[in-house]
Amino acid sequence: MSLQDDIIKVLLPHFEALQEGSVELSLEASVTQLKTKLATLEAQSGLEDLNLHHQQQKGDDEKGDEELSSPFEVSLGNALLKFLNATTDAEATADLAETVDAFLNLIASLAVSYESNQVTTMVLTRALEFSESLLERVRAHACVFLGKMVAALKSSESKNNKKKCVPQTENTTTRDSLKEILDALFPLLQDKNQAVRCHAIKAIGYFFTTSDDIDTYKVALEVLLWSLAHDPSVSNRIAAIHSLPVHTKTTLDYLIARVRDIKAKVRVEALEVLRSKADVKDMSESQMMELIRSGLTNR
């Protein structure tokens, strides 16, 4: 039995439990549990890795970087790709939506939990390939997973920074991965398919988890604001409303403008987001007046 088969043997029961809805652990606890179960396999492959490096140092300097990759993480990446491929096939079935979502969360969180970035790169590369698929449902599915990857990357980075007691900043590998994701999502905001655009909008919303992100991802914010104002789909404008970070100096005026949207559903959602996320104390007098004026009219 190969190392990849051994890894799948460890992962499969947990994915089956997710499918049955019998997992009671949180996502973070599930990842910790799986990493504990995989630790023996990782240790064994680590010894092989050390031996490989030792042989490399003896004189075969022309071997490629791929040969120096961690056998465990390459095998784990390939195992996760099998599960990711399976979710793409299952996405077409509506009654599996909740299971697929749970699978994607676990794949993304487990992939980014290893420091070398090998597993992240393998999984992300496959997702980026999906984002360029000719099939609309596959492109939409890719957007959903890319959003999960953004959330997992930013959560992992935040936890690492807290452990090291350093400011909330992104390291180079995380920053590069997030840039790749953004570059893939931007053209999908103009996709001919409404569902693809909707999922791309939601995925970009994951970039804004702190107030600093508004400055870091200015371009992402600009395209999100464009979708908020110009996407012809009511569902997509509503998705943009919920994805937009609420910030008095940058985005509040745009949200207030949606209170005058041509569609009542959009107006209602804009008001609800302002009610639940915006602090009235931070609004200027002119913003308050505009909000009241907009809310008292049919448009």
Protein backbone atom coordinates (compact mmCIF):
# COMPACT_ATOMS: atom_id res chain seq x y z
CA MET A 1 0.00 0.00 0.00
CA SER A 2 1.38 3.43 -0.97
CA LEU A 3 1.76 6.40 1.36
CA GLN A 4 -1.12 8.12 -0.45
CA ASP A 5 -3.34 5.10 0.14
CA ASP A 6 -2.42 5.13 3.83
CA ILE A 7 -3.37 8.82 4.04
CA ILE A 8 -6.69 8.23 2.28
CA LYS A 9 -7.37 5.39 4.73
CA VAL A 10 -7.04 7.93 7.59
CA LEU A 11 -9.06 10.68 5.88
CA LEU A 12 -11.90 8.62 4.42
CA PRO A 13 -13.77 7.84 7.68
CA HIS A 14 -13.92 11.53 8.55
CA PHE A 15 -15.24 12.50 5.11
CA GLU A 16 -17.79 9.70 5.35
CA ALA A 17 -18.87 11.03 8.75
CA LEU A 18 -19.28 14.48 7.21
CA GLN A 19 -21.46 13.00 4.52
CA GLU A 20 -23.62 11.32 7.15
CA GLY A 21 -23.77 14.49 9.24
CA SER A 22 -22.36 12.73 12.29
CA VAL A 23 -19.31 14.94 12.93
CA GLU A 24 -19.75 16.92 16.14
CA LEU A 25 -16.29 18.52 16.23
CA SER A 26 -15.63 22.06 15.04
CA LEU A 27 -13.66 22.52 11.83
CA GLU A 28 -10.54 23.50 13.76
CA ALA A 29 -10.86 20.51 16.07
CA SER A 30 -11.40 18.20 13.09
CA VAL A 31 -8.19 19.41 11.43
CA THR A 32 -6.26 18.96 14.68
CA GLN A 33 -7.64 15.45 15.11
CA LEU A 34 -6.77 14.44 11.55
CA LYS A 35 -3.25 15.87 11.82
CA THR A 36 -2.75 13.86 15.00
CA LYS A 37 -3.84 10.69 13.23
CA LEU A 38 -1.58 11.49 10.28
CA ALA A 39 1.43 12.29 12.49
CA THR A 40 2.85 8.73 12.37
CA LEU A 41 2.77 8.69 8.59
CA GLU A 42 4.33 12.16 8.52
CA ALA A 43 7.13 11.06 10.85
CA GLN A 44 7.89 8.01 8.74
CA SER A 45 8.01 10.03 5.55
CA GLY A 46 10.13 12.64 7.34
CA LEU A 47 12.83 10.04 7.88
CA GLU A 48 12.71 9.22 4.19
CA ASP A 49 12.93 12.92 3.41
CA LEU A 50 16.03 13.33 5.58
CA ASN A 51 17.66 10.39 3.85
CA LEU A 52 16.83 11.91 0.47
CA HIS A 53 18.45 15.20 1.45
CA HIS A 54 21.49 13.35 2.73
CA GLN A 55 21.90 11.57 -0.59
CA GLN A 56 21.43 14.86 -2.41
CA GLN A 57 24.24 16.48 -0.44
CA LYS A 58 26.63 13.70 -1.41
CA GLY A 59 26.93 14.99 -4.92
CA ASP A 60 23.85 14.70 -7.09
CA ASP A 61 23.30 18.47 -7.27
CA GLU A 62 21.39 18.36 -10.55
CA LYS A 63 18.21 16.80 -9.18
CA GLY A 64 15.18 19.04 -9.43
CA ASP A 65 13.31 20.63 -6.55
CA GLU A 66 10.45 18.22 -7.09
CA GLU A 67 12.66 15.32 -5.90
CA LEU A 68 13.32 17.18 -2.65
CA SER A 69 9.65 17.63 -1.88
CA SER A 70 8.23 16.11 1.27
CA PRO A 71 6.86 12.64 0.34
CA PHE A 72 4.18 12.99 3.00
CA GLU A 73 2.91 16.40 1.90
CA VAL A 74 2.94 15.46 -1.79
CA SER A 75 0.94 12.34 -0.96
CA LEU A 76 -1.44 14.33 1.26
CA GLY A 77 -1.91 16.88 -1.51
CA ASN A 78 -2.75 14.15 -4.01
CA ALA A 79 -5.17 12.58 -1.55
CA LEU A 80 -6.97 15.89 -1.01
CA LEU A 81 -7.14 16.41 -4.77
CA LYS A 82 -9.10 13.17 -5.06
CA PHE A 83 -11.66 14.47 -2.57
CA LEU A 84 -11.73 17.88 -4.27
CA ASN A 85 -12.39 16.26 -7.64
CA ALA A 86 -15.21 14.26 -6.08
CA THR A 87 -16.88 17.44 -4.78
CA THR A 88 -16.86 18.87 -8.30
CA ASP A 89 -18.76 15.85 -9.57
CA ALA A 90 -21.22 15.99 -6.65
CA GLU A 91 -21.93 19.72 -6.91
CA ALA A 92 -24.59 19.14 -9.56
CA THR A 93 -26.79 17.39 -6.99
CA ALA A 94 -28.66 19.93 -4.87
CA ASP A 95 -29.25 17.60 -1.93
CA LEU A 96 -25.49 17.21 -1.50
CA ALA A 97 -24.83 20.96 -1.22
CA GLU A 98 -24.36 20.93 2.56
CA THR A 99 -22.03 17.93 2.43
CA VAL A 100 -20.01 19.45 -0.39
CA ASP A 101 -19.66 22.67 1.59
CA ALA A 102 -18.36 20.73 4.61
CA PHE A 103 -15.92 18.82 2.39
CA LEU A 104 -14.56 22.03 0.88
CA ASN A 105 -14.09 23.63 4.29
CA LEU A 106 -12.12 20.65 5.53
CA ILE A 107 -9.99 20.33 2.39
CA ALA A 108 -9.05 24.02 2.48
CA SER A 109 -8.34 24.10 6.23
CA LEU A 110 -6.28 20.90 6.20
CA ALA A 111 -4.34 22.01 3.11
CA VAL A 112 -3.16 25.29 4.68
CA SER A 113 -2.33 23.75 8.07
CA TYR A 114 1.10 22.54 6.93
CA GLU A 115 3.86 25.13 7.00
CA SER A 116 5.83 24.18 3.87
CA ASN A 117 3.02 25.38 1.54
CA GLN A 118 3.35 22.29 -0.68
CA VAL A 119 -0.16 21.03 0.01
CA THR A 120 -1.62 24.52 -0.36
CA THR A 121 0.06 24.94 -3.73
CA MET A 122 -1.17 21.60 -5.04
CA VAL A 123 -4.77 22.16 -3.99
CA LEU A 124 -4.80 25.79 -5.11
CA THR A 125 -3.37 24.90 -8.52
CA ARG A 126 -6.23 22.47 -9.11
CA ALA A 127 -8.82 25.05 -8.04
CA LEU A 128 -7.31 27.61 -10.42
CA GLU A 129 -7.58 25.06 -13.22
CA PHE A 130 -11.26 24.59 -12.36
CA SER A 131 -11.79 28.37 -12.53
CA GLU A 132 -10.87 28.29 -16.23
CA SER A 133 -13.12 25.35 -17.09
CA LEU A 134 -15.51 25.58 -20.04
CA LEU A 135 -18.25 24.20 -17.80
CA GLU A 136 -20.13 26.94 -15.97
CA ARG A 137 -20.93 24.77 -12.93
CA VAL A 138 -17.24 23.92 -12.53
CA ARG A 139 -16.25 27.60 -12.68
CA ALA A 140 -18.90 28.39 -10.07
CA HIS A 141 -17.66 25.53 -7.89
CA ALA A 142 -14.11 26.83 -8.22
CA CYS A 143 -15.21 30.24 -6.93
CA VAL A 144 -16.81 28.63 -3.89
CA PHE A 145 -13.64 26.69 -3.07
CA LEU A 146 -11.37 29.68 -3.70
CA GLY A 147 -13.41 31.59 -1.14
CA LYS A 148 -12.85 28.73 1.33
CA MET A 149 -9.12 28.90 0.59
CA VAL A 150 -9.04 32.65 1.28
CA ALA A 151 -10.81 32.14 4.61
CA ALA A 152 -8.49 29.27 5.56
CA LEU A 153 -5.32 31.13 4.58
CA LYS A 154 -6.26 34.27 6.49
CA SER A 155 -7.39 32.29 9.54
CA SER A 156 -4.17 30.25 9.59
CA GLU A 157 -2.05 33.37 9.22
CA SER A 158 -3.91 35.10 12.05
CA LYS A 159 -3.37 32.14 14.37
CA ASN A 160 0.34 31.95 13.52
CA ASN A 161 0.77 35.68 14.17
CA LYS A 162 -0.93 35.38 17.55
CA LYS A 163 1.37 32.51 18.54
CA LYS A 164 4.40 34.58 17.56
CA CYS A 165 2.96 37.75 19.15
CA VAL A 166 3.50 39.76 15.95
CA PRO A 167 1.19 42.19 14.09
CA GLN A 168 -1.49 40.75 11.81
CA THR A 169 0.53 40.67 8.60
CA GLU A 170 0.71 38.15 5.77
CA ASN A 171 3.88 36.21 5.06
CA THR A 172 5.19 35.95 1.50
CA THR A 173 3.70 32.55 0.69
CA THR A 174 0.26 33.52 2.00
CA ARG A 175 0.39 36.83 0.13
CA ASP A 176 1.36 35.07 -3.10
CA SER A 177 -1.44 32.53 -2.74
CA LEU A 178 -4.02 35.24 -2.06
CA LYS A 179 -2.82 37.20 -5.09
CA GLU A 180 -3.21 34.13 -7.30
CA ILE A 181 -6.75 33.71 -6.05
CA LEU A 182 -7.63 37.35 -6.67
CA ASP A 183 -6.18 37.23 -10.17
CA ALA A 184 -8.38 34.22 -10.90
CA LEU A 185 -11.54 35.77 -9.43
CA PHE A 186 -11.36 39.17 -11.15
CA PRO A 187 -12.33 37.97 -14.66
CA LEU A 188 -15.07 35.76 -13.21
CA LEU A 189 -16.86 38.87 -11.95
CA GLN A 190 -17.60 39.53 -15.64
CA ASP A 191 -18.55 35.93 -16.41
CA LYS A 192 -21.57 35.46 -18.66
CA ASN A 193 -23.10 33.09 -16.11
CA GLN A 194 -24.97 34.70 -13.19
CA ALA A 195 -24.08 31.95 -10.69
CA VAL A 196 -20.38 32.18 -11.48
CA ARG A 197 -20.41 35.94 -10.90
CA CYS A 198 -22.37 35.49 -7.66
CA HIS A 199 -19.90 32.99 -6.22
CA ALA A 200 -16.96 35.15 -7.32
CA ILE A 201 -18.47 38.12 -5.47
CA LYS A 202 -18.92 36.05 -2.32
CA ALA A 203 -15.36 34.70 -2.58
CA ILE A 204 -13.88 38.19 -2.76
CA GLY A 205 -15.81 39.10 0.38
CA TYR A 206 -13.58 36.70 2.35
CA PHE A 207 -10.60 39.00 1.78
CA PHE A 208 -12.05 41.64 4.13
CA THR A 209 -11.72 40.23 7.64
CA THR A 210 -10.02 43.24 9.28
CA SER A 211 -10.13 46.99 8.74
CA ASP A 212 -6.56 46.87 7.35
CA ASP A 213 -7.76 44.66 4.50
CA ILE A 214 -9.65 47.60 3.01
CA ASP A 215 -6.35 49.31 2.23
CA THR A 216 -4.51 46.10 1.35
CA TYR A 217 -7.06 45.00 -1.23
CA LYS A 218 -8.11 48.30 -2.76
CA VAL A 219 -8.47 46.83 -6.24
CA ALA A 220 -10.64 43.99 -4.91
CA LEU A 221 -12.81 46.54 -3.13
CA GLU A 222 -13.19 48.56 -6.32
CA VAL A 223 -14.41 45.59 -8.37
CA LEU A 224 -16.77 44.59 -5.55
CA LEU A 225 -18.23 48.10 -5.54
CA TRP A 226 -18.64 47.90 -9.33
CA SER A 227 -20.64 44.67 -8.95
CA LEU A 228 -22.71 46.27 -6.22
CA ALA A 229 -23.77 49.10 -8.52
CA HIS A 230 -23.80 47.51 -11.98
CA ASP A 231 -24.36 43.76 -11.90
CA PRO A 232 -27.73 43.19 -13.65
CA SER A 233 -28.63 40.31 -11.32
CA VAL A 234 -30.62 41.11 -8.17
CA SER A 235 -29.06 38.10 -6.41
CA ASN A 236 -25.58 39.29 -7.29
CA ARG A 237 -26.16 42.82 -6.03
CA ILE A 238 -27.47 41.33 -2.79
CA ALA A 239 -24.36 39.10 -2.60
CA ALA A 240 -22.20 42.21 -3.04
CA ILE A 241 -24.07 43.97 -0.23
CA HIS A 242 -23.28 41.13 2.16
CA SER A 243 -19.69 40.74 0.93
CA LEU A 244 -18.83 44.43 1.24
CA PRO A 245 -16.91 45.51 4.35
CA VAL A 246 -18.84 48.21 6.23
CA HIS A 247 -16.53 51.18 6.64
CA THR A 248 -17.77 54.74 7.08
CA LYS A 249 -15.08 56.43 5.00
CA THR A 250 -14.92 53.93 2.16
CA THR A 251 -18.08 51.90 1.63
CA LEU A 252 -20.94 53.31 3.66
CA ASP A 253 -22.03 55.76 0.96
CA TYR A 254 -22.25 52.90 -1.55
CA LEU A 255 -24.44 50.85 0.77
CA ILE A 256 -26.72 53.81 1.40
CA ALA A 257 -27.01 54.26 -2.36
CA ARG A 258 -28.36 50.69 -2.66
CA VAL A 259 -31.28 51.72 -0.42
CA ARG A 260 -32.49 53.43 -3.61
CA ASP A 261 -32.00 50.33 -5.79
CA ILE A 262 -34.66 49.66 -8.40
CA LYS A 263 -35.47 46.31 -6.80
CA ALA A 264 -37.16 46.12 -3.40
CA LYS A 265 -35.21 43.00 -2.35
CA VAL A 266 -31.93 44.85 -2.80
CA ARG A 267 -33.22 47.86 -0.85
CA VAL A 268 -34.34 45.64 2.04
CA GLU A 269 -31.00 43.82 2.20
CA ALA A 270 -29.07 47.10 2.12
CA LEU A 271 -31.10 48.41 5.04
CA GLU A 272 -30.62 45.17 6.97
CA VAL A 273 -26.83 45.22 6.50
CA LEU A 274 -26.69 48.86 7.59
CA ARG A 275 -28.83 48.04 10.63
CA SER A 276 -26.77 45.02 11.69
CA LYS A 277 -23.23 46.08 10.77
CA ALA A 278 -23.01 49.87 10.68
CA ASP A 279 -22.61 51.97 13.83
CA VAL A 280 -24.91 54.97 13.68
CA LYS A 281 -22.49 56.89 15.89
CA ASP A 282 -19.87 56.72 13.15
CA MET A 283 -22.17 58.11 10.45
CA SER A 284 -21.87 61.70 9.38
CA GLU A 285 -24.89 63.98 9.52
CA SER A 286 -25.16 63.97 5.73
CA GLN A 287 -25.07 60.15 5.65
CA MET A 288 -27.81 59.99 8.27
CA MET A 289 -29.95 62.43 6.31
CA GLU A 290 -29.41 60.51 3.07
CA LEU A 291 -30.26 57.20 4.74
CA ILE A 292 -33.50 58.61 6.20
CA ARG A 293 -34.42 60.26 2.90
CA SER A 294 -33.77 57.06 0.96
CA GLY A 295 -35.64 54.86 3.39
CA LEU A 296 -38.74 57.02 3.28
CA THR A 297 -39.13 56.84 -0.51
CA ASN A 298 -40.17 54.05 -2.88
CA ARG A 299 -36.76 54.30 -4.53
